[in-house]
Structures are given as C-alpha cells and as structure tokens.
C-alpha cells in the first residue's frame, strides 16, 4: 500500500508539472500546431491524473499517514483547485485548440490555468517537503 501511495503521488505530481512546463513552453515558443498537440496530450492525460490523485489520497488515508492528517487543508485546496479550475480549463482549452480558436480568450484562460497550476505545484511541494514517509 505504501508503494502504491508513493507511486501514485509521484505520478500525479509529475503529470501536473509536465502540464505546467508544457503549457508555458508552448505558449512562449510554440506555433498553433504545437499548442493543439500539447492541449490534446494534456486532455488525454486527465483521466490518468484523476485516478492517480484518487489513489494517492485513498491509500494515504488507509495508511493513516501523517502527511494526509497534517496537511488536510492543503489537500482540500489542491483538489478544489483541480476540480473547480484546472480540469474544466484543460477541457475548454482543448476544445478551443481543436476548433483552432487560439485567440485572446484562449491565452487569458491559459494564463488562469498556469496560475492555478502553479498554486497546486507550490502546495504539493509544501506538502511533500515535510513528508518523512516519502524518503523511506
């Protein structure tokens, strides 16, 4: 169970970071085709991310890990941010990119996505930085 928790936590964090790096990189130096492809890959990776986050929380609760108890509010903030902002934004940006509507609204929404993603990465780093269990 502990291996499952470590694996899914690492996978979820890696996907979130890859989403952020990809969005920022392609937004700065990518053309429309690269943007479309990145948004498509991000959209297709959402189910994996959602499952990984779910298994991370469930296995953490079953193990009664201090990281879950001690960081409950941070976990709630990460999940809320993901389900209220990041997942819907990812879906909307994917649809807009598939319809070739890469315009000012697209970039405004992508900016919000990057801000929300940065908040989640910050919170996850804060959570994991004190995680003794992760290093064992």
C-alpha atoms as a PDB file:
ATOM      1  CA  UNK A   1       0.000   0.000   0.000  1.00  0.00           C
ATOM      2  CA  UNK A   2       2.873   2.330   0.806  1.00  0.00           C
ATOM      3  CA  UNK A   3       4.428   1.665  -2.622  1.00  0.00           C
ATOM      4  CA  UNK A   4       1.091   2.439  -4.269  1.00  0.00           C
ATOM      5  CA  UNK A   5       0.897   5.718  -2.366  1.00  0.00           C
ATOM      6  CA  UNK A   6       4.425   6.774  -3.306  1.00  0.00           C
ATOM      7  CA  UNK A   7       3.968   5.748  -6.936  1.00  0.00           C
ATOM      8  CA  UNK A   8       0.633   7.473  -7.469  1.00  0.00           C
ATOM      9  CA  UNK A   9       1.745  10.614  -5.619  1.00  0.00           C
ATOM     10  CA  UNK A  10       4.859  10.809  -7.785  1.00  0.00           C
ATOM     11  CA  UNK A  11       2.881  10.160 -10.970  1.00  0.00           C
ATOM     12  CA  UNK A  12       0.279  12.820 -10.146  1.00  0.00           C
ATOM     13  CA  UNK A  13       2.957  15.381  -9.287  1.00  0.00           C
ATOM     14  CA  UNK A  14       4.902  14.577 -12.459  1.00  0.00           C
ATOM     15  CA  UNK A  15       1.809  14.979 -14.654  1.00  0.00           C
ATOM     16  CA  UNK A  16       0.951  18.315 -13.019  1.00  0.00           C
ATOM     17  CA  UNK A  17       4.491  19.613 -13.518  1.00  0.00           C
ATOM     18  CA  UNK A  18       4.570  18.369 -17.120  1.00  0.00           C
ATOM     19  CA  UNK A  19       1.269  20.127 -17.805  1.00  0.00           C
ATOM     20  CA  UNK A  20       2.684  23.375 -16.447  1.00  0.00           C
ATOM     21  CA  UNK A  21       6.017  23.172 -18.237  1.00  0.00           C
ATOM     22  CA  UNK A  22       4.309  22.191 -21.499  1.00  0.00           C
ATOM     23  CA  UNK A  23       1.743  25.000 -21.310  1.00  0.00           C
ATOM     24  CA  UNK A  24       4.332  27.651 -20.534  1.00  0.00           C
ATOM     25  CA  UNK A  25       6.845  26.388 -23.104  1.00  0.00           C
ATOM     26  CA  UNK A  26       4.416  26.037 -25.975  1.00  0.00           C
ATOM     27  CA  UNK A  27       2.755  29.337 -25.082  1.00  0.00           C
ATOM     28  CA  UNK A  28       6.076  31.143 -25.307  1.00  0.00           C
ATOM     29  CA  UNK A  29       7.687  29.499 -28.299  1.00  0.00           C
ATOM     30  CA  UNK A  30       5.151  27.214 -29.911  1.00  0.00           C
ATOM     31  CA  UNK A  31       3.123  27.604 -33.039  1.00  0.00           C
ATOM     32  CA  UNK A  32      -0.564  26.764 -33.368  1.00  0.00           C
ATOM     33  CA  UNK A  33       0.103  23.122 -34.250  1.00  0.00           C
ATOM     34  CA  UNK A  34       2.272  22.619 -31.169  1.00  0.00           C
ATOM     35  CA  UNK A  35      -0.360  24.270 -28.970  1.00  0.00           C
ATOM     36  CA  UNK A  36      -3.045  21.982 -30.394  1.00  0.00           C
ATOM     37  CA  UNK A  37      -0.907  18.884 -29.787  1.00  0.00           C
ATOM     38  CA  UNK A  38       0.048  19.868 -26.216  1.00  0.00           C
ATOM     39  CA  UNK A  39      -3.563  20.627 -25.282  1.00  0.00           C
ATOM     40  CA  UNK A  40      -4.591  17.295 -26.797  1.00  0.00           C
ATOM     41  CA  UNK A  41      -1.978  15.400 -24.786  1.00  0.00           C
ATOM     42  CA  UNK A  42      -2.969  17.262 -21.621  1.00  0.00           C
ATOM     43  CA  UNK A  43      -6.622  16.409 -22.221  1.00  0.00           C
ATOM     44  CA  UNK A  44      -5.844  12.720 -22.777  1.00  0.00           C
ATOM     45  CA  UNK A  45      -3.739  12.571 -19.602  1.00  0.00           C
ATOM     46  CA  UNK A  46      -6.549  13.926 -17.369  1.00  0.00           C
ATOM     47  CA  UNK A  47      -8.052  10.500 -16.551  1.00  0.00           C
ATOM     48  CA  UNK A  48      -4.617   9.219 -15.508  1.00  0.00           C
ATOM     49  CA  UNK A  49      -4.093  12.279 -13.314  1.00  0.00           C
ATOM     50  CA  UNK A  50      -7.516  11.993 -11.687  1.00  0.00           C
ATOM     51  CA  UNK A  51      -7.035   8.284 -10.947  1.00  0.00           C
ATOM     52  CA  UNK A  52      -3.503   8.868  -9.610  1.00  0.00           C
ATOM     53  CA  UNK A  53      -4.702  11.645  -7.305  1.00  0.00           C
ATOM     54  CA  UNK A  54      -7.584   9.491  -6.105  1.00  0.00           C
ATOM     55  CA  UNK A  55      -5.351   6.514  -5.322  1.00  0.00           C
ATOM     56  CA  UNK A  56      -2.870   8.810  -3.590  1.00  0.00           C
ATOM     57  CA  UNK A  57      -5.499  10.178  -1.222  1.00  0.00           C
ATOM     58  CA  UNK A  58      -7.249   6.834  -0.630  1.00  0.00           C
ATOM     59  CA  UNK A  59      -4.021   4.933   0.035  1.00  0.00           C
ATOM     60  CA  UNK A  60      -2.758   7.777   2.236  1.00  0.00           C
ATOM     61  CA  UNK A  61      -5.923   7.643   4.329  1.00  0.00           C
ATOM     62  CA  UNK A  62      -5.790   3.834   4.595  1.00  0.00           C
ATOM     63  CA  UNK A  63      -2.196   4.034   5.761  1.00  0.00           C
ATOM     64  CA  UNK A  64      -3.179   6.814   8.210  1.00  0.00           C
ATOM     65  CA  UNK A  65      -0.184   8.776   7.031  1.00  0.00           C
ATOM     66  CA  UNK A  66       0.624  11.945   8.949  1.00  0.00           C
ATOM     67  CA  UNK A  67       1.030  13.717   5.601  1.00  0.00           C
ATOM     68  CA  UNK A  68      -2.709  13.296   4.993  1.00  0.00           C
ATOM     69  CA  UNK A  69      -3.801  14.294   8.507  1.00  0.00           C
ATOM     70  CA  UNK A  70      -1.351  17.168   8.954  1.00  0.00           C
ATOM     71  CA  UNK A  71      -1.980  18.700   5.538  1.00  0.00           C
ATOM     72  CA  UNK A  72      -5.727  18.196   5.232  1.00  0.00           C
ATOM     73  CA  UNK A  73      -6.460  21.813   4.293  1.00  0.00           C
ATOM     74  CA  UNK A  74      -3.698  21.846   1.684  1.00  0.00           C
ATOM     75  CA  UNK A  75      -5.030  18.604   0.157  1.00  0.00           C
ATOM     76  CA  UNK A  76      -8.521  20.105   0.048  1.00  0.00           C
ATOM     77  CA  UNK A  77      -7.137  23.235  -1.634  1.00  0.00           C
ATOM     78  CA  UNK A  78      -5.241  21.149  -4.220  1.00  0.00           C
ATOM     79  CA  UNK A  79      -8.303  19.020  -5.009  1.00  0.00           C
ATOM     80  CA  UNK A  80     -10.652  22.024  -5.120  1.00  0.00           C
ATOM     81  CA  UNK A  81      -8.304  23.937  -7.384  1.00  0.00           C
ATOM     82  CA  UNK A  82      -8.017  20.915  -9.680  1.00  0.00           C
ATOM     83  CA  UNK A  83     -11.741  20.179  -9.916  1.00  0.00           C
ATOM     84  CA  UNK A  84     -13.031  23.766  -9.961  1.00  0.00           C
ATOM     85  CA  UNK A  85     -10.414  25.339 -12.228  1.00  0.00           C
ATOM     86  CA  UNK A  86      -7.751  23.097 -13.730  1.00  0.00           C
ATOM     87  CA  UNK A  87      -9.800  20.245 -15.144  1.00  0.00           C
ATOM     88  CA  UNK A  88     -12.528  22.468 -16.646  1.00  0.00           C
ATOM     89  CA  UNK A  89      -9.900  24.850 -18.046  1.00  0.00           C
ATOM     90  CA  UNK A  90      -7.983  21.961 -19.550  1.00  0.00           C
ATOM     91  CA  UNK A  91     -11.141  20.710 -21.262  1.00  0.00           C
ATOM     92  CA  UNK A  92     -12.131  24.170 -22.546  1.00  0.00           C
ATOM     93  CA  UNK A  93      -8.609  24.882 -23.813  1.00  0.00           C
ATOM     94  CA  UNK A  94      -8.529  21.504 -25.540  1.00  0.00           C
ATOM     95  CA  UNK A  95     -11.857  22.204 -27.277  1.00  0.00           C
ATOM     96  CA  UNK A  96     -10.767  25.709 -28.265  1.00  0.00           C
ATOM     97  CA  UNK A  97      -7.477  24.420 -29.652  1.00  0.00           C
ATOM     98  CA  UNK A  98      -9.254  21.682 -31.644  1.00  0.00           C
ATOM     99  CA  UNK A  99     -11.531  24.344 -33.133  1.00  0.00           C
ATOM    100  CA  UNK A 100      -8.449  26.473 -33.893  1.00  0.00           C
ATOM    101  CA  UNK A 101      -9.754  29.265 -31.636  1.00  0.00           C
ATOM    102  CA  UNK A 102      -6.346  30.239 -30.305  1.00  0.00           C
ATOM    103  CA  UNK A 103      -7.111  33.865 -29.602  1.00  0.00           C
ATOM    104  CA  UNK A 104      -7.003  36.367 -26.753  1.00  0.00           C
ATOM    105  CA  UNK A 105      -9.625  34.439 -24.758  1.00  0.00           C
ATOM    106  CA  UNK A 106      -7.603  31.240 -25.162  1.00  0.00           C
ATOM    107  CA  UNK A 107      -4.476  32.939 -23.821  1.00  0.00           C
ATOM    108  CA  UNK A 108      -6.408  34.563 -20.959  1.00  0.00           C
ATOM    109  CA  UNK A 109      -7.788  31.167 -19.922  1.00  0.00           C
ATOM    110  CA  UNK A 110      -4.355  29.617 -20.298  1.00  0.00           C
ATOM    111  CA  UNK A 111      -2.938  32.297 -18.004  1.00  0.00           C
ATOM    112  CA  UNK A 112      -5.525  31.372 -15.364  1.00  0.00           C
ATOM    113  CA  UNK A 113      -4.632  27.691 -15.870  1.00  0.00           C
ATOM    114  CA  UNK A 114      -0.939  28.460 -15.347  1.00  0.00           C
ATOM    115  CA  UNK A 115      -1.644  30.463 -12.186  1.00  0.00           C
ATOM    116  CA  UNK A 116      -3.867  27.707 -10.732  1.00  0.00           C
ATOM    117  CA  UNK A 117      -1.362  25.029 -11.717  1.00  0.00           C
ATOM    118  CA  UNK A 118       1.449  26.993 -10.080  1.00  0.00           C
ATOM    119  CA  UNK A 119      -0.575  27.218  -6.878  1.00  0.00           C
ATOM    120  CA  UNK A 120      -1.085  23.453  -6.884  1.00  0.00           C
ATOM    121  CA  UNK A 121       2.590  22.773  -7.524  1.00  0.00           C
ATOM    122  CA  UNK A 122       3.516  25.124  -4.668  1.00  0.00           C
ATOM    123  CA  UNK A 123       1.068  23.421  -2.294  1.00  0.00           C
ATOM    124  CA  UNK A 124       2.232  19.945  -3.284  1.00  0.00           C
ATOM    125  CA  UNK A 125       5.875  20.914  -2.765  1.00  0.00           C
ATOM    126  CA  UNK A 126       4.933  22.259   0.684  1.00  0.00           C
ATOM    127  CA  UNK A 127       3.112  19.006   1.488  1.00  0.00           C
ATOM    128  CA  UNK A 128       5.858  16.707   0.221  1.00  0.00           C
ATOM    129  CA  UNK A 129       8.765  18.728   1.643  1.00  0.00           C
ATOM    130  CA  UNK A 130       7.829  17.624   5.154  1.00  0.00           C
ATOM    131  CA  UNK A 131       6.968  14.060   4.183  1.00  0.00           C
ATOM    132  CA  UNK A 132       9.231  11.733   6.131  1.00  0.00           C
ATOM    133  CA  UNK A 133       7.361   8.711   4.731  1.00  0.00           C
ATOM    134  CA  UNK A 134       8.330   9.552   1.160  1.00  0.00           C
ATOM    135  CA  UNK A 135      12.028   9.198   1.802  1.00  0.00           C
ATOM    136  CA  UNK A 136      11.777   5.790   3.474  1.00  0.00           C
END
